[in-house]
């Protein structure tokens, strides 16, 4: 019997990977002429050119990482595909925050601001847009409530321990003692490790549609898996180098132009969250809400569980102070967002009104950035 079109492996055409040489050439130019390109950013036009050049190339690479992670998801099925995506993007996030934090001298709240921005962009912007568009096209969409509860059951305590509790223990929001940093890092890693074991093991069925199996993907071609894995890594390599260069214009905005300190976190968050947001919205439009839920909540969980201990470790090794505790309106926005997210995913069914509520919260957060 002849193979159907769906059975044939999808081979990426060479033209699909045109951005890889662009990223490689950009990395080479900044390696060779970085001191000249970044030496004087006082000219607004030159600053805008360099910033947009670096930002667009890094963002383009991140989109390609998501694309190849999506291809792997199609071949491996859930929850493995989403897990690959979230871990790849979280790795970029950790590298980006570490680079800007090490480069800058006066922004100890960068990690905290980036974490909050990622949570707001994903749980309010990404979830809101996904539910709004998906609910507009269909009266209701459904997801596996057990999976959403599993995600939120770990997100809420980790967010409380990492972003809320330090403000009440220490006035400056810093986990002051080395022991408190160690405990927070160990708790985050252990809880996330247990979650991954359950997600990939006995509770895989929590993270797929209730009427489908955990291994819904067809038998994958080993060569196609290897090819997409290599390309995914290849797009991440220039990001590792270029994000360190992006730290210079980001610090220039914050320290020289005296922009709000939270703006640096927002820039980093947009960089890492936008590609995942696009993937989640596409899934919701295609009536694959479970995929959108896995991407959204999985991204928030990996961000908090991996980024917090990683940044604490980097700060300890480099001697840079790290402030984690949220205060004022940021603390209120986090608590309200977590509460609304619990309500949104409590029934296993979503509609357009829930999407609108999340988007209103996202708009409120965006406006509050410039009120502090």
Foldseek 3Di string as FASTA:
>chain_A
DDDDPVPDDDDDDPVVVPLLVVLVVVLVCCVVCVCVLLVDCPDPVSLVVVLCSLLVSLLVLLLLLLVLLVSVCQAFPPDVSLVSNLVLLLVLLLLLQLLLLLVDAPQQALLQLLLLLLLLCQLQVLVLLLQQLLQVVPVKAFAQLLLLCLLLVQLVVLCCLFAAVLCVVDVQQFLPDPVSLVVNLVVLQVSVVVSVCCCPPDPVCSLAGVPDDSRPHDNHDPVSNVVSVVSSVSSVVSSSSSSSSSSSSLNCCCPVVVAQSSVSSNSSSCSSNVSLSVVLNVCSNVSNNSSNSSNRSVNSSCNSSPNSSSVSVSCVVSVRTHRRYDDDPSVVLVVVSSVLSCVQSVPRMGHNVSSVVSNVSSVVVVVVSRVD
